Amino acid sequence: MNTHSLHLNPQPAKAPGPRVNPRRLLALGRSELTLLVRNRATLSMALLMPLVMVFILRSSLTGLDGAAALGEATLTGGIGMVLTLVVYMSLVSAYVARREELVLKRLRTGEANDPEILAGTALPAAVLALGQILVLAVAGAVALDVRMPRNPLVLAAAVLAGIVILAGMAALTSSFTRTVESAGLTTLPLFLLTGLGSGLFVPVDSLPDSVASVCELLPLSGVMELVRAGWSGGAAGGELLGSAGGALAWIMITVFAVQRWFRWEPRR
């Protein structure tokens, strides 16, 4: 037997081509959106849970001076909750379901490349999250009598970075998630770490210095610092660069991890 004919990867390598083809990406996104709309349980959770969690978040925030500070903390924390619930948690279930149904395997045999398949699956969740954040920013600011974001470009960049990071973390988490039913357990650690350590539920400033320094290294901590800076506009240039560097580092880490460990074959 010719040993050179053996290959560890069961999927043949694809010919080089454009990184992402917009037409194929949109087609994959439309297919995924159809599946999302048909799954009423997942769609309901994606639409309603962030709003419920925002009310819970507002009641849990204490020690803030003034209604304006409380309102801003609620809205910035709500943006983090939308990203975590709509992008991360729903996408883990989507990736696992498509993998176990052999959808991902069939797509890899076609013209679409790996980034297009992964991004196409994530596209409806990303669009849904962007829509919810826009509604939250406008309607929430009016309802809570909070000023609109002072630096919307920083806020938009933070949200996009958060979507990329959490979509990558969702793909990575799906690799060790056996079934859609078990996704609620495998997503819980990152959900709790993000909520408690990235400033969504508990302000990082209220934590001990040693704990706060560790929490600054969490995947969504840099994104949330940028979200708060984009809304309040009070961060210095050095702080913004540090937060942006942390977010960029996590984007690079997740991209590498997904390329290395994402599972395309069903778990048996």
Protein backbone atom coordinates (compact mmCIF):
# COMPACT_ATOMS: atom_id res chain seq x y z
CA MET A 1 0.00 0.00 0.00
CA ASN A 2 1.28 3.45 -0.82
CA THR A 3 1.51 5.26 2.48
CA HIS A 4 1.41 8.60 0.74
CA SER A 5 -2.21 7.90 -0.23
CA LEU A 6 -3.30 7.94 3.41
CA HIS A 7 -4.69 11.22 4.70
CA LEU A 8 -5.82 12.03 8.21
CA ASN A 9 -8.47 14.49 7.09
CA PRO A 10 -11.47 12.59 5.65
CA GLN A 11 -12.48 15.70 3.68
CA PRO A 12 -10.37 16.44 0.57
CA ALA A 13 -8.68 19.81 0.43
CA LYS A 14 -10.45 22.42 -1.64
CA ALA A 15 -8.87 24.39 -4.41
CA PRO A 16 -7.86 27.91 -3.44
CA GLY A 17 -10.52 30.48 -4.10
CA PRO A 18 -12.01 33.68 -2.76
CA ARG A 19 -12.15 33.77 1.01
CA VAL A 20 -15.87 34.51 1.14
CA ASN A 21 -18.26 34.69 -1.78
CA PRO A 22 -21.09 37.12 -0.80
CA ARG A 23 -23.65 35.38 -3.02
CA ARG A 24 -22.99 31.95 -1.50
CA LEU A 25 -22.87 33.48 1.97
CA LEU A 26 -26.29 35.07 1.58
CA ALA A 27 -27.73 31.85 0.16
CA LEU A 28 -26.48 29.91 3.17
CA GLY A 29 -27.79 32.61 5.48
CA ARG A 30 -31.28 32.43 3.92
CA SER A 31 -31.34 28.66 4.36
CA GLU A 32 -30.30 28.99 7.99
CA LEU A 33 -32.90 31.71 8.57
CA THR A 34 -35.61 29.38 7.24
CA LEU A 35 -34.54 26.70 9.70
CA LEU A 36 -34.42 29.23 12.54
CA VAL A 37 -37.96 30.47 11.84
CA ARG A 38 -39.27 26.90 11.77
CA ASN A 39 -37.71 26.18 15.18
CA ARG A 40 -40.11 28.17 17.33
CA ALA A 41 -38.45 27.26 20.63
CA THR A 42 -35.05 28.57 19.54
CA LEU A 43 -36.57 31.64 17.91
CA SER A 44 -38.64 32.46 21.00
CA MET A 45 -35.59 32.16 23.25
CA ALA A 46 -33.54 34.36 20.94
CA LEU A 47 -36.27 37.03 20.85
CA LEU A 48 -37.60 37.02 24.40
CA MET A 49 -34.78 35.91 26.67
CA PRO A 50 -32.56 38.98 26.17
CA LEU A 51 -35.46 41.26 27.10
CA VAL A 52 -36.23 39.21 30.20
CA MET A 53 -32.57 39.20 31.19
CA VAL A 54 -32.38 42.99 30.82
CA PHE A 55 -35.13 43.40 33.44
CA ILE A 56 -33.31 40.94 35.72
CA LEU A 57 -30.08 42.82 35.10
CA ARG A 58 -31.63 46.14 36.05
CA SER A 59 -32.91 44.80 39.35
CA SER A 60 -29.52 43.27 40.18
CA LEU A 61 -27.51 46.47 39.66
CA THR A 62 -26.93 48.28 42.92
CA GLY A 63 -24.52 50.86 44.21
CA LEU A 64 -24.80 53.17 41.20
CA ASP A 65 -25.38 56.86 41.74
CA GLY A 66 -28.34 58.30 39.90
CA ALA A 67 -30.93 56.99 37.48
CA ALA A 68 -28.78 57.87 34.47
CA ALA A 69 -25.90 55.68 35.65
CA LEU A 70 -28.30 52.84 36.40
CA GLY A 71 -29.93 53.20 32.98
CA GLU A 72 -26.60 53.20 31.12
CA ALA A 73 -25.40 50.16 33.08
CA THR A 74 -28.65 48.36 32.24
CA LEU A 75 -28.40 49.10 28.53
CA THR A 76 -24.71 48.25 28.17
CA GLY A 77 -25.23 45.07 30.16
CA GLY A 78 -28.27 44.33 28.01
CA ILE A 79 -26.12 44.56 24.89
CA GLY A 80 -23.81 41.96 26.39
CA MET A 81 -26.78 39.73 27.20
CA VAL A 82 -28.09 39.95 23.63
CA LEU A 83 -24.69 38.99 22.27
CA THR A 84 -24.34 36.08 24.69
CA LEU A 85 -27.84 34.66 24.32
CA VAL A 86 -28.63 35.33 20.67
CA VAL A 87 -25.20 34.79 19.14
CA TYR A 88 -23.38 32.38 21.43
CA MET A 89 -26.02 30.14 22.98
CA SER A 90 -28.33 29.86 19.97
CA LEU A 91 -25.43 29.28 17.58
CA VAL A 92 -24.07 26.37 19.60
CA SER A 93 -27.39 24.60 19.14
CA ALA A 94 -27.42 25.49 15.43
CA TYR A 95 -23.92 24.17 14.76
CA VAL A 96 -24.60 20.95 16.67
CA ALA A 97 -27.91 20.37 14.91
CA ARG A 98 -26.45 20.96 11.44
CA ARG A 99 -23.49 18.71 12.22
CA GLU A 100 -25.57 15.82 13.53
CA GLU A 101 -27.99 16.12 10.60
CA LEU A 102 -25.01 15.88 8.19
CA VAL A 103 -25.83 19.32 6.78
CA LEU A 104 -22.30 20.60 7.36
CA LYS A 105 -20.78 17.52 5.78
CA ARG A 106 -22.94 17.88 2.66
CA LEU A 107 -22.14 21.58 2.37
CA ARG A 108 -18.41 20.84 2.43
CA THR A 109 -18.76 18.66 -0.65
CA GLY A 110 -20.15 21.61 -2.62
CA GLU A 111 -18.67 24.90 -3.75
CA ALA A 112 -18.85 26.66 -0.38
CA ASN A 113 -15.62 26.81 1.61
CA ASP A 114 -15.33 26.41 5.36
CA PRO A 115 -15.50 30.12 6.32
CA GLU A 116 -18.60 30.56 4.15
CA ILE A 117 -20.34 27.60 5.79
CA LEU A 118 -19.57 28.77 9.32
CA ALA A 119 -20.39 32.42 8.58
CA GLY A 120 -23.56 31.52 6.69
CA THR A 121 -24.81 29.52 9.65
CA ALA A 122 -24.06 32.43 11.98
CA LEU A 123 -25.51 35.14 9.72
CA PRO A 124 -29.18 35.03 10.88
CA ALA A 125 -28.16 35.09 14.56
CA ALA A 126 -25.83 38.01 13.90
CA VAL A 127 -28.52 39.99 12.08
CA LEU A 128 -31.06 39.20 14.80
CA ALA A 129 -28.62 40.36 17.48
CA LEU A 130 -27.88 43.60 15.62
CA GLY A 131 -31.60 44.30 15.29
CA GLN A 132 -32.25 43.66 18.97
CA ILE A 133 -29.32 45.84 20.02
CA LEU A 134 -30.58 48.68 17.82
CA VAL A 135 -34.05 48.44 19.35
CA LEU A 136 -32.56 48.18 22.83
CA ALA A 137 -30.35 51.23 22.29
CA VAL A 138 -33.15 53.44 20.96
CA ALA A 139 -36.22 52.26 22.86
CA GLY A 140 -34.27 51.55 26.05
CA ALA A 141 -32.66 54.98 26.06
CA VAL A 142 -36.07 56.61 25.67
CA ALA A 143 -37.77 54.42 28.29
CA LEU A 144 -34.97 54.83 30.84
CA ASP A 145 -34.37 58.51 30.02
CA VAL A 146 -30.75 57.84 29.11
CA ARG A 147 -28.75 59.82 26.56
CA MET A 148 -27.90 58.13 23.27
CA PRO A 149 -24.37 56.72 22.74
CA ARG A 150 -21.75 59.44 22.59
CA ASN A 151 -19.42 57.46 20.32
CA PRO A 152 -21.59 55.21 18.14
CA LEU A 153 -18.64 54.12 15.96
CA VAL A 154 -16.83 52.64 18.95
CA LEU A 155 -20.06 51.00 20.07
CA ALA A 156 -20.68 49.52 16.60
CA ALA A 157 -17.10 48.22 16.40
CA ALA A 158 -17.47 46.63 19.83
CA VAL A 159 -20.71 44.88 18.86
CA LEU A 160 -19.21 43.52 15.62
CA ALA A 161 -16.13 42.29 17.50
CA GLY A 162 -18.38 40.62 20.06
CA ILE A 163 -20.35 38.86 17.31
CA VAL A 164 -17.15 37.51 15.74
CA ILE A 165 -15.73 36.34 19.07
CA LEU A 166 -18.92 34.68 20.27
CA ALA A 167 -19.66 33.07 16.91
CA GLY A 168 -16.17 31.54 17.06
CA MET A 169 -16.69 30.46 20.67
CA ALA A 170 -20.02 28.91 19.65
CA ALA A 171 -18.34 26.90 16.90
CA LEU A 172 -15.65 25.79 19.33
CA THR A 173 -18.17 24.86 22.05
CA SER A 174 -20.17 22.83 19.55
CA SER A 175 -17.11 20.62 19.02
CA PHE A 176 -17.53 19.03 22.45
CA THR A 177 -21.34 19.26 22.57
CA ARG A 178 -22.84 15.89 21.66
CA THR A 179 -26.48 16.82 21.24
CA VAL A 180 -28.66 19.92 20.95
CA GLU A 181 -30.19 19.04 24.32
CA SER A 182 -26.79 19.14 26.04
CA ALA A 183 -25.97 22.59 24.62
CA GLY A 184 -27.59 24.18 27.65
CA LEU A 185 -24.92 22.59 29.85
CA THR A 186 -21.88 23.15 27.66
CA THR A 187 -22.71 26.84 27.16
CA LEU A 188 -23.30 27.48 30.87
CA PRO A 189 -19.63 28.00 31.93
CA LEU A 190 -18.95 30.78 29.42
CA PHE A 191 -22.35 32.33 30.09
CA LEU A 192 -21.66 32.53 33.83
CA LEU A 193 -18.07 33.69 33.39
CA THR A 194 -19.17 36.42 31.00
CA GLY A 195 -22.08 37.53 33.16
CA LEU A 196 -20.10 37.64 36.40
CA GLY A 197 -16.62 38.47 35.16
CA SER A 198 -17.09 40.78 32.18
CA GLY A 199 -19.24 43.34 33.97
CA LEU A 200 -22.72 42.37 32.80
CA PHE A 201 -24.22 41.57 36.20
CA VAL A 202 -21.56 42.73 38.64
CA PRO A 203 -19.38 45.78 37.90
CA VAL A 204 -15.76 44.70 37.53
CA ASP A 205 -14.66 47.68 39.63
CA SER A 206 -16.48 46.20 42.62
CA LEU A 207 -14.40 43.01 42.50
CA PRO A 208 -11.09 42.58 44.37
CA ASP A 209 -8.08 43.75 42.38
CA SER A 210 -6.67 40.24 41.94
CA VAL A 211 -10.00 38.93 40.68
CA ALA A 212 -10.60 41.95 38.44
CA SER A 213 -7.19 41.51 36.78
CA VAL A 214 -8.13 37.94 35.87
CA CYS A 215 -11.61 38.93 34.66
CA GLU A 216 -10.06 41.43 32.27
CA LEU A 217 -8.68 38.46 30.32
CA LEU A 218 -12.09 36.87 29.65
CA PRO A 219 -13.26 36.71 26.01
CA LEU A 220 -15.93 39.41 26.25
CA SER A 221 -14.24 41.76 28.75
CA GLY A 222 -12.53 43.91 26.11
CA VAL A 223 -15.73 44.08 24.08
CA MET A 224 -17.77 45.20 27.08
CA GLU A 225 -15.21 47.90 27.93
CA LEU A 226 -15.57 49.20 24.38
CA VAL A 227 -19.37 49.04 24.65
CA ARG A 228 -19.30 51.14 27.81
CA ALA A 229 -16.78 53.54 26.28
CA GLY A 230 -18.90 53.89 23.15
CA TRP A 231 -21.98 54.69 25.20
CA SER A 232 -20.49 57.03 27.81
CA GLY A 233 -17.56 58.37 25.79
CA GLY A 234 -15.46 58.74 28.92
CA ALA A 235 -12.59 56.34 28.23
CA ALA A 236 -9.06 57.55 27.50
CA GLY A 237 -7.23 56.63 24.30
CA GLY A 238 -4.91 54.21 26.08
CA GLU A 239 -7.83 52.36 27.65
CA LEU A 240 -9.55 52.06 24.29
CA LEU A 241 -6.41 50.65 22.69
CA GLY A 242 -6.02 48.13 25.49
CA SER A 243 -9.62 46.97 25.19
CA ALA A 244 -9.40 46.84 21.40
CA GLY A 245 -6.18 44.83 21.66
CA GLY A 246 -7.84 42.35 23.98
CA ALA A 247 -10.81 41.93 21.64
CA LEU A 248 -8.50 41.50 18.63
CA ALA A 249 -6.45 38.92 20.49
CA TRP A 250 -9.57 36.87 21.25
CA ILE A 251 -10.68 37.08 17.62
CA MET A 252 -7.34 35.62 16.55
CA ILE A 253 -7.50 32.93 19.25
CA THR A 254 -11.01 31.83 18.31
CA VAL A 255 -10.25 31.77 14.58
CA PHE A 256 -7.21 29.56 15.20
CA ALA A 257 -9.12 27.29 17.60
CA VAL A 258 -12.03 26.83 15.19
CA GLN A 259 -9.67 25.98 12.33
CA ARG A 260 -7.91 23.46 14.54
CA TRP A 261 -10.72 21.79 16.52
CA PHE A 262 -14.11 22.38 14.90
CA ARG A 263 -15.90 19.10 14.22
CA TRP A 264 -17.58 18.65 10.84
CA GLU A 265 -18.48 14.99 11.37
CA PRO A 266 -21.26 13.78 13.72
CA ARG A 267 -20.16 12.58 17.14
CA ARG A 268 -20.64 8.83 17.55
